[in-house]
């Protein structure tokens, strides 16, 4: 087994004689001792706010401009048992700002009644969650499936 020992602590540093190249004279300079210097503290987070030279709080750096697709994106027409569903999305810097139904099912009374209730709920769910992957509306599974599939396609066109 090989053992090596290191002495930990403050040891004096020997002084070195230095020669001045121009005059050739030797001067003995004292070397600083590690005990005379204060230990350097590691940089870390500070709880103090940045201030200007006048002592007023510095203005926060501007937030980076949001990036993402902007425009109107039309989803595919999705056929369901109760008719075709199609929506378009208005997107601003990657955020869905509007879900607009273009084609909503069949024109019979039952489909109109179901869609009149389900489509606004689906619109709100998509806007609130910013995704097509939301819960179906109870009692409107075909409408939900068609509308959300069209939203998914529009989001894919937008690159979201």
N, C-alpha and C. Protein backbone atom coordinates (compact mmCIF):
# COMPACT_ATOMS: atom_id res chain seq x y z
N UNK A 1 0.86 -1.17 0.00
CA UNK A 1 0.00 0.00 0.00
C UNK A 1 0.90 1.23 0.00
N UNK A 2 0.58 2.16 -0.81
CA UNK A 2 1.34 3.40 -0.91
C UNK A 2 0.59 4.48 -0.18
N UNK A 3 1.27 5.17 0.68
CA UNK A 3 0.64 6.26 1.42
C UNK A 3 1.43 7.54 1.17
N UNK A 4 0.72 8.57 0.98
CA UNK A 4 1.35 9.88 0.78
C UNK A 4 0.72 10.83 1.78
N UNK A 5 1.50 11.67 2.33
CA UNK A 5 0.96 12.60 3.31
C UNK A 5 1.02 14.02 2.80
N UNK A 6 0.01 14.76 3.10
CA UNK A 6 -0.06 16.17 2.75
C UNK A 6 -0.34 16.93 4.02
N UNK A 7 0.33 17.99 4.18
CA UNK A 7 0.09 18.80 5.35
C UNK A 7 -0.90 19.88 4.95
N UNK A 8 -1.99 19.92 5.67
CA UNK A 8 -3.03 20.89 5.38
C UNK A 8 -2.91 22.00 6.40
N UNK A 9 -3.06 23.19 5.94
CA UNK A 9 -3.01 24.32 6.86
C UNK A 9 -2.24 25.47 6.24
N UNK A 10 -1.95 26.45 7.02
CA UNK A 10 -1.26 27.63 6.54
C UNK A 10 0.24 27.47 6.78
N UNK A 11 0.96 27.36 5.71
CA UNK A 11 2.41 27.25 5.79
C UNK A 11 3.03 28.53 5.27
N UNK A 12 4.10 28.98 5.88
CA UNK A 12 4.75 30.19 5.36
C UNK A 12 5.39 29.90 4.00
N UNK A 13 5.35 30.88 3.14
CA UNK A 13 5.96 30.75 1.82
C UNK A 13 7.31 31.44 1.91
N UNK A 14 8.36 30.72 1.52
CA UNK A 14 9.69 31.32 1.63
C UNK A 14 9.83 32.49 0.65
N UNK A 15 10.64 33.46 1.06
CA UNK A 15 10.87 34.60 0.19
C UNK A 15 11.93 34.25 -0.84
N UNK A 16 11.87 34.92 -1.95
CA UNK A 16 12.78 34.65 -3.06
C UNK A 16 13.53 35.94 -3.38
N UNK A 17 14.82 35.81 -3.63
CA UNK A 17 15.61 36.96 -4.02
C UNK A 17 15.44 37.18 -5.50
N UNK A 18 15.11 38.41 -5.88
CA UNK A 18 14.89 38.75 -7.27
C UNK A 18 16.00 39.65 -7.77
N UNK A 19 16.44 39.45 -8.99
CA UNK A 19 17.49 40.28 -9.59
C UNK A 19 16.86 41.22 -10.59
N UNK A 20 17.26 42.49 -10.51
CA UNK A 20 16.79 43.49 -11.47
C UNK A 20 17.66 43.35 -12.71
N UNK A 21 17.08 43.03 -13.87
CA UNK A 21 17.90 42.80 -15.06
C UNK A 21 18.68 44.04 -15.51
N UNK A 22 18.17 45.24 -15.26
CA UNK A 22 18.86 46.44 -15.72
C UNK A 22 20.08 46.73 -14.87
N UNK A 23 19.95 46.62 -13.54
CA UNK A 23 21.07 46.99 -12.67
C UNK A 23 21.86 45.79 -12.19
N UNK A 24 21.24 44.61 -12.25
CA UNK A 24 21.92 43.41 -11.77
C UNK A 24 21.87 43.27 -10.27
N UNK A 25 21.21 44.17 -9.55
CA UNK A 25 21.14 44.11 -8.09
C UNK A 25 20.07 43.11 -7.68
N UNK A 26 20.32 42.49 -6.56
CA UNK A 26 19.39 41.50 -6.02
C UNK A 26 18.62 42.15 -4.89
N UNK A 27 17.30 41.96 -4.91
CA UNK A 27 16.49 42.48 -3.82
C UNK A 27 15.70 41.33 -3.23
N UNK A 28 15.60 41.36 -1.93
CA UNK A 28 14.84 40.31 -1.26
C UNK A 28 13.45 40.86 -0.99
N UNK A 29 12.44 40.28 -1.62
CA UNK A 29 11.06 40.72 -1.42
C UNK A 29 10.32 39.71 -0.58
N UNK A 30 9.50 40.20 0.27
CA UNK A 30 8.72 39.29 1.10
C UNK A 30 7.52 38.81 0.29
N UNK A 31 7.32 37.53 0.35
CA UNK A 31 6.17 36.95 -0.34
C UNK A 31 4.96 37.03 0.57
N UNK A 32 3.82 37.26 0.01
CA UNK A 32 2.64 37.31 0.85
C UNK A 32 2.33 35.94 1.43
N UNK A 33 1.89 35.94 2.64
CA UNK A 33 1.53 34.70 3.32
C UNK A 33 0.07 34.41 3.05
N UNK A 34 -0.27 33.15 2.88
CA UNK A 34 -1.67 32.85 2.64
C UNK A 34 -2.56 33.19 3.83
N UNK A 35 -1.99 33.32 5.01
CA UNK A 35 -2.80 33.65 6.18
C UNK A 35 -3.17 35.12 6.22
N UNK A 36 -2.43 35.97 5.47
CA UNK A 36 -2.71 37.39 5.52
C UNK A 36 -3.84 37.80 4.59
N UNK A 37 -4.16 36.95 3.63
CA UNK A 37 -5.23 37.28 2.69
C UNK A 37 -6.54 36.68 3.16
N UNK A 38 -7.59 37.40 2.96
CA UNK A 38 -8.91 36.87 3.30
C UNK A 38 -9.31 35.85 2.26
N UNK A 39 -9.96 34.78 2.68
CA UNK A 39 -10.36 33.77 1.70
C UNK A 39 -11.38 34.36 0.72
N UNK A 40 -11.23 34.00 -0.52
CA UNK A 40 -12.15 34.49 -1.54
C UNK A 40 -13.45 33.72 -1.41
N UNK A 41 -14.55 34.43 -1.50
CA UNK A 41 -15.84 33.75 -1.40
C UNK A 41 -16.29 33.39 -2.81
N UNK A 42 -16.95 32.29 -2.90
CA UNK A 42 -17.45 31.84 -4.19
C UNK A 42 -18.63 32.70 -4.60
N UNK A 43 -18.70 33.02 -5.87
CA UNK A 43 -19.85 33.80 -6.31
C UNK A 43 -21.11 32.97 -6.15
N UNK A 44 -22.16 33.61 -5.78
CA UNK A 44 -23.41 32.89 -5.58
C UNK A 44 -24.57 33.83 -5.73
N UNK A 45 -25.77 33.30 -5.58
CA UNK A 45 -26.94 34.16 -5.73
C UNK A 45 -26.99 35.20 -4.62
N UNK A 46 -27.44 36.35 -4.97
CA UNK A 46 -27.52 37.43 -4.02
C UNK A 46 -28.97 37.80 -3.81
N UNK A 47 -29.31 38.14 -2.59
CA UNK A 47 -30.69 38.51 -2.32
C UNK A 47 -30.92 39.99 -2.51
N UNK A 48 -29.87 40.72 -2.82
CA UNK A 48 -30.05 42.15 -3.01
C UNK A 48 -30.37 42.43 -4.46
N UNK A 49 -31.21 43.41 -4.70
CA UNK A 49 -31.60 43.77 -6.05
C UNK A 49 -30.53 44.67 -6.67
N UNK A 50 -30.42 44.62 -7.97
CA UNK A 50 -29.46 45.48 -8.66
C UNK A 50 -29.91 46.93 -8.53
N UNK A 51 -28.93 47.80 -8.37
CA UNK A 51 -29.25 49.22 -8.26
C UNK A 51 -28.40 50.00 -9.23
N UNK A 52 -28.86 51.18 -9.56
CA UNK A 52 -28.09 52.06 -10.41
C UNK A 52 -27.10 52.82 -9.55
N UNK A 53 -26.22 53.61 -10.17
CA UNK A 53 -25.23 54.36 -9.40
C UNK A 53 -25.89 55.39 -8.49
N UNK A 54 -27.10 55.80 -8.79
CA UNK A 54 -27.80 56.77 -7.94
C UNK A 54 -28.51 56.08 -6.78
N UNK A 55 -28.46 54.74 -6.74
CA UNK A 55 -29.08 54.02 -5.65
C UNK A 55 -30.51 53.60 -5.93
N UNK A 56 -31.06 53.97 -7.06
CA UNK A 56 -32.42 53.58 -7.42
C UNK A 56 -32.39 52.17 -8.00
N UNK A 57 -33.46 51.42 -7.84
CA UNK A 57 -33.48 50.07 -8.42
C UNK A 57 -33.32 50.13 -9.94
N UNK A 58 -32.54 49.20 -10.45
CA UNK A 58 -32.32 49.13 -11.88
C UNK A 58 -33.57 48.59 -12.56
N UNK A 59 -33.84 49.05 -13.74
CA UNK A 59 -35.00 48.56 -14.50
C UNK A 59 -34.72 47.12 -14.92
N UNK A 60 -35.73 46.25 -14.83
CA UNK A 60 -35.50 44.86 -15.24
C UNK A 60 -35.23 44.78 -16.73
N UNK A 61 -34.47 43.78 -17.10
CA UNK A 61 -34.17 43.58 -18.51
C UNK A 61 -35.46 43.26 -19.24
N UNK A 62 -35.62 43.74 -20.45
CA UNK A 62 -36.86 43.45 -21.18
C UNK A 62 -36.96 41.96 -21.47
N UNK A 63 -38.17 41.45 -21.40
CA UNK A 63 -38.41 40.04 -21.68
C UNK A 63 -38.17 39.78 -23.16
N UNK A 64 -37.63 38.60 -23.47
CA UNK A 64 -37.40 38.32 -24.88
C UNK A 64 -38.74 38.25 -25.62
N UNK A 65 -38.71 38.68 -26.86
CA UNK A 65 -39.93 38.68 -27.67
C UNK A 65 -40.38 37.23 -27.87
N UNK A 66 -41.68 36.98 -27.69
CA UNK A 66 -42.15 35.62 -27.88
C UNK A 66 -41.97 35.20 -29.33
N UNK A 67 -41.62 33.95 -29.49
CA UNK A 67 -41.45 33.44 -30.84
C UNK A 67 -42.38 32.26 -31.04
N UNK A 68 -42.85 32.12 -32.21
CA UNK A 68 -43.74 31.03 -32.55
C UNK A 68 -44.54 31.42 -33.76
N UNK A 69 -45.30 30.47 -34.25
CA UNK A 69 -46.08 30.75 -35.46
C UNK A 69 -47.18 31.77 -35.20
N UNK A 70 -47.48 32.53 -36.21
CA UNK A 70 -48.57 33.51 -36.17
C UNK A 70 -49.35 33.37 -37.47
N UNK A 71 -50.68 33.34 -37.34
CA UNK A 71 -51.51 33.27 -38.53
C UNK A 71 -52.79 32.51 -38.27
N UNK A 72 -53.52 32.23 -39.33
CA UNK A 72 -54.75 31.45 -39.27
C UNK A 72 -54.47 30.12 -39.94
N UNK A 73 -54.77 29.03 -39.23
CA UNK A 73 -54.48 27.69 -39.71
C UNK A 73 -55.77 26.88 -39.72
N UNK A 74 -56.10 26.33 -40.88
CA UNK A 74 -57.34 25.57 -41.04
C UNK A 74 -57.04 24.09 -40.84
N UNK A 75 -57.81 23.46 -39.97
CA UNK A 75 -57.67 22.04 -39.74
C UNK A 75 -58.35 21.23 -40.82
N UNK A 76 -58.09 19.94 -40.87
CA UNK A 76 -58.73 19.10 -41.87
C UNK A 76 -60.22 18.91 -41.57
N UNK A 77 -60.98 18.63 -42.60
CA UNK A 77 -62.39 18.28 -42.42
C UNK A 77 -62.42 16.82 -41.96
N UNK A 78 -63.02 16.59 -40.79
CA UNK A 78 -63.03 15.26 -40.20
C UNK A 78 -64.46 14.72 -40.24
N UNK A 79 -64.63 13.59 -40.92
CA UNK A 79 -65.95 12.98 -41.01
C UNK A 79 -66.25 12.15 -39.77
N UNK A 80 -67.43 12.35 -39.20
CA UNK A 80 -67.88 11.56 -38.05
C UNK A 80 -69.23 10.93 -38.41
N UNK A 81 -69.75 10.11 -37.54
CA UNK A 81 -71.04 9.46 -37.76
C UNK A 81 -72.15 10.49 -37.92
N UNK A 82 -72.02 11.64 -37.26
CA UNK A 82 -73.04 12.69 -37.33
C UNK A 82 -72.62 13.89 -38.16
N UNK A 83 -71.74 13.69 -39.12
CA UNK A 83 -71.38 14.77 -40.03
C UNK A 83 -69.92 15.16 -39.95
N UNK A 84 -69.55 16.12 -40.76
CA UNK A 84 -68.18 16.60 -40.88
C UNK A 84 -67.93 17.74 -39.90
N UNK A 85 -66.73 17.74 -39.31
CA UNK A 85 -66.31 18.79 -38.38
C UNK A 85 -65.01 19.40 -38.91
N UNK A 86 -64.94 20.73 -38.89
CA UNK A 86 -63.72 21.42 -39.31
C UNK A 86 -63.62 22.75 -38.57
N UNK A 87 -62.41 23.08 -38.13
CA UNK A 87 -62.18 24.33 -37.41
C UNK A 87 -60.96 25.04 -37.99
N UNK A 88 -60.86 26.31 -37.66
CA UNK A 88 -59.64 27.06 -37.95
C UNK A 88 -59.17 27.68 -36.65
N UNK A 89 -57.86 27.81 -36.53
CA UNK A 89 -57.25 28.38 -35.34
C UNK A 89 -56.57 29.70 -35.71
N UNK A 90 -56.77 30.70 -34.88
CA UNK A 90 -55.97 31.93 -34.96
C UNK A 90 -54.87 31.78 -33.93
N UNK A 91 -53.63 31.92 -34.38
CA UNK A 91 -52.47 31.72 -33.51
C UNK A 91 -51.60 32.95 -33.57
N UNK A 92 -51.17 33.43 -32.40
CA UNK A 92 -50.31 34.61 -32.31
C UNK A 92 -49.08 34.24 -31.49
N UNK A 93 -47.92 34.23 -32.13
CA UNK A 93 -46.65 33.87 -31.47
C UNK A 93 -46.75 32.56 -30.72
N UNK A 94 -47.36 31.57 -31.35
CA UNK A 94 -47.44 30.24 -30.77
C UNK A 94 -48.59 30.04 -29.79
N UNK A 95 -49.38 31.07 -29.55
CA UNK A 95 -50.50 30.95 -28.61
C UNK A 95 -51.82 30.94 -29.39
N UNK A 96 -52.65 29.94 -29.10
CA UNK A 96 -53.96 29.85 -29.74
C UNK A 96 -54.83 30.95 -29.15
N UNK A 97 -55.31 31.83 -30.01
CA UNK A 97 -56.13 32.95 -29.53
C UNK A 97 -57.60 32.80 -29.90
N UNK A 98 -57.88 31.94 -30.90
CA UNK A 98 -59.28 31.74 -31.30
C UNK A 98 -59.43 30.37 -31.94
N UNK A 99 -60.55 29.70 -31.60
CA UNK A 99 -60.94 28.45 -32.24
C UNK A 99 -62.28 28.73 -32.91
N UNK A 100 -62.28 28.73 -34.24
CA UNK A 100 -63.48 29.09 -35.00
C UNK A 100 -63.99 27.85 -35.75
N UNK A 101 -65.21 27.39 -35.44
CA UNK A 101 -65.76 26.26 -36.21
C UNK A 101 -66.13 26.71 -37.62
N UNK A 102 -65.76 25.92 -38.62
CA UNK A 102 -66.10 26.21 -40.01
C UNK A 102 -67.26 25.32 -40.47
N UNK A 103 -67.16 24.03 -40.17
CA UNK A 103 -68.20 23.06 -40.51
C UNK A 103 -68.48 22.26 -39.25
N UNK A 104 -69.77 22.19 -38.87
CA UNK A 104 -70.12 21.50 -37.62
C UNK A 104 -71.29 20.55 -37.86
N UNK A 105 -70.96 19.32 -38.21
CA UNK A 105 -71.94 18.23 -38.25
C UNK A 105 -73.11 18.40 -39.19
N UNK A 106 -74.10 17.59 -38.93
CA UNK A 106 -75.34 17.57 -39.71
C UNK A 106 -76.28 18.68 -39.27
N UNK A 107 -77.25 18.96 -40.12
CA UNK A 107 -78.19 20.03 -39.82
C UNK A 107 -79.47 19.58 -39.14
N UNK A 108 -79.56 18.31 -38.71
CA UNK A 108 -80.78 17.88 -38.04
C UNK A 108 -80.87 18.51 -36.65
N UNK A 109 -82.07 18.53 -36.09
CA UNK A 109 -82.32 19.21 -34.82
C UNK A 109 -81.48 18.68 -33.67
N UNK A 110 -81.33 17.37 -33.55
CA UNK A 110 -80.56 16.79 -32.45
C UNK A 110 -79.09 17.19 -32.57
N UNK A 111 -78.52 17.08 -33.77
CA UNK A 111 -77.12 17.44 -33.97
C UNK A 111 -76.90 18.92 -33.68
N UNK A 112 -77.81 19.77 -34.15
CA UNK A 112 -77.67 21.21 -33.88
C UNK A 112 -77.70 21.50 -32.39
N UNK A 113 -78.61 20.83 -31.67
CA UNK A 113 -78.72 21.04 -30.22
C UNK A 113 -77.45 20.58 -29.49
N UNK A 114 -76.96 19.41 -29.84
CA UNK A 114 -75.75 18.87 -29.19
C UNK A 114 -74.55 19.76 -29.51
N UNK A 115 -74.39 20.12 -30.78
CA UNK A 115 -73.24 20.92 -31.19
C UNK A 115 -73.29 22.33 -30.61
N UNK A 116 -74.50 22.88 -30.47
CA UNK A 116 -74.63 24.23 -29.89
C UNK A 116 -74.11 24.27 -28.46
N UNK A 117 -74.18 23.15 -27.76
CA UNK A 117 -73.67 23.09 -26.40
C UNK A 117 -72.20 22.64 -26.36
N UNK A 118 -71.86 21.63 -27.18
CA UNK A 118 -70.53 21.02 -27.09
C UNK A 118 -69.43 21.87 -27.70
N UNK A 119 -69.68 22.49 -28.85
CA UNK A 119 -68.62 23.22 -29.54
C UNK A 119 -68.07 24.38 -28.69
N UNK A 120 -68.91 25.21 -28.07
CA UNK A 120 -68.33 26.28 -27.22
C UNK A 120 -67.51 25.73 -26.05
N UNK A 121 -67.94 24.60 -25.49
CA UNK A 121 -67.15 24.00 -24.40
C UNK A 121 -65.79 23.54 -24.90
N UNK A 122 -65.77 22.93 -26.08
CA UNK A 122 -64.50 22.48 -26.66
C UNK A 122 -63.60 23.66 -27.00
N UNK A 123 -64.20 24.74 -27.51
CA UNK A 123 -63.42 25.93 -27.81
C UNK A 123 -62.73 26.44 -26.54
N UNK A 124 -63.47 26.54 -25.46
CA UNK A 124 -62.91 27.04 -24.20
C UNK A 124 -61.83 26.12 -23.66
N UNK A 125 -62.04 24.83 -23.76
CA UNK A 125 -61.04 23.87 -23.27
C UNK A 125 -59.74 23.98 -24.05
N UNK A 126 -59.84 24.12 -25.36
CA UNK A 126 -58.64 24.25 -26.19
C UNK A 126 -57.92 25.56 -25.88
N UNK A 127 -58.67 26.64 -25.76
CA UNK A 127 -58.05 27.94 -25.45
C UNK A 127 -57.38 27.92 -24.08
N UNK A 128 -58.04 27.31 -23.10
CA UNK A 128 -57.49 27.29 -21.74
C UNK A 128 -56.24 26.42 -21.64
N UNK A 129 -56.23 25.30 -22.34
CA UNK A 129 -55.10 24.37 -22.21
C UNK A 129 -54.06 24.52 -23.31
N UNK A 130 -54.39 25.24 -24.39
CA UNK A 130 -53.48 25.45 -25.52
C UNK A 130 -53.05 24.13 -26.16
N UNK A 131 -53.96 23.16 -26.18
CA UNK A 131 -53.70 21.88 -26.81
C UNK A 131 -55.00 21.29 -27.31
N UNK A 132 -54.89 20.34 -28.22
CA UNK A 132 -56.05 19.61 -28.71
C UNK A 132 -56.40 18.47 -27.77
N UNK A 133 -55.50 18.10 -26.90
CA UNK A 133 -55.67 16.94 -26.03
C UNK A 133 -56.45 17.31 -24.77
N UNK A 134 -57.74 17.54 -24.93
CA UNK A 134 -58.61 17.91 -23.82
C UNK A 134 -59.72 16.86 -23.68
N UNK A 135 -60.46 16.94 -22.60
CA UNK A 135 -61.54 15.98 -22.34
C UNK A 135 -62.69 16.20 -23.31
N UNK A 136 -63.29 15.11 -23.73
CA UNK A 136 -64.48 15.19 -24.56
C UNK A 136 -65.64 15.75 -23.74
N UNK A 137 -66.60 16.32 -24.43
CA UNK A 137 -67.82 16.80 -23.78
C UNK A 137 -68.76 15.61 -23.62
N UNK A 138 -69.25 15.43 -22.43
CA UNK A 138 -70.17 14.32 -22.16
C UNK A 138 -71.42 14.45 -23.03
N UNK A 139 -71.81 13.35 -23.67
CA UNK A 139 -72.98 13.35 -24.53
C UNK A 139 -72.69 13.84 -25.93
N UNK A 140 -71.45 14.20 -26.23
CA UNK A 140 -71.09 14.70 -27.55
C UNK A 140 -69.76 14.09 -27.99
N UNK A 141 -69.66 12.79 -27.88
CA UNK A 141 -68.40 12.14 -28.18
C UNK A 141 -68.02 12.26 -29.65
N UNK A 142 -68.98 12.15 -30.58
CA UNK A 142 -68.65 12.28 -31.99
C UNK A 142 -68.25 13.72 -32.33
N UNK A 143 -68.99 14.66 -31.80
CA UNK A 143 -68.63 16.08 -32.02
C UNK A 143 -67.25 16.35 -31.44
N UNK A 144 -67.00 15.89 -30.23
CA UNK A 144 -65.71 16.11 -29.58
C UNK A 144 -64.58 15.51 -30.40
N UNK A 145 -64.76 14.28 -30.84
CA UNK A 145 -63.72 13.61 -31.61
C UNK A 145 -63.43 14.36 -32.90
N UNK A 146 -64.45 14.79 -33.61
CA UNK A 146 -64.26 15.48 -34.88
C UNK A 146 -63.63 16.86 -34.71
N UNK A 147 -64.14 17.63 -33.76
CA UNK A 147 -63.61 18.99 -33.55
C UNK A 147 -62.16 18.92 -33.09
N UNK A 148 -61.86 18.05 -32.14
CA UNK A 148 -60.50 17.98 -31.61
C UNK A 148 -59.51 17.41 -32.62
N UNK A 149 -59.94 16.51 -33.48
CA UNK A 149 -59.07 16.01 -34.54
C UNK A 149 -58.74 17.13 -35.53
N UNK A 150 -59.72 17.98 -35.81
CA UNK A 150 -59.47 19.12 -36.70
C UNK A 150 -58.52 20.13 -36.03
N UNK A 151 -58.71 20.36 -34.72
CA UNK A 151 -57.80 21.25 -33.98
C UNK A 151 -56.38 20.69 -34.02
N UNK A 152 -56.26 19.39 -33.81
CA UNK A 152 -54.94 18.75 -33.85
C UNK A 152 -54.26 18.96 -35.21
N UNK A 153 -55.03 18.81 -36.29
CA UNK A 153 -54.47 19.02 -37.62
C UNK A 153 -54.05 20.46 -37.86
N UNK A 154 -54.85 21.40 -37.39
CA UNK A 154 -54.49 22.82 -37.54
C UNK A 154 -53.23 23.14 -36.74
N UNK A 155 -53.13 22.59 -35.55
CA UNK A 155 -51.93 22.81 -34.73
C UNK A 155 -50.70 22.22 -35.43
N UNK A 156 -50.87 21.07 -36.03
CA UNK A 156 -49.73 20.44 -36.75
C UNK A 156 -49.30 21.33 -37.92
N UNK A 157 -50.27 21.90 -38.65
CA UNK A 157 -49.92 22.82 -39.74
C UNK A 157 -49.15 24.03 -39.24
N UNK A 158 -49.48 24.48 -38.02
CA UNK A 158 -48.82 25.63 -37.43
C UNK A 158 -47.45 25.27 -36.84
N UNK A 159 -47.19 23.98 -36.71
CA UNK A 159 -45.93 23.54 -36.12
C UNK A 159 -45.97 23.51 -34.60
N UNK A 160 -47.16 23.41 -34.06
CA UNK A 160 -47.31 23.34 -32.59
C UNK A 160 -47.51 21.91 -32.13
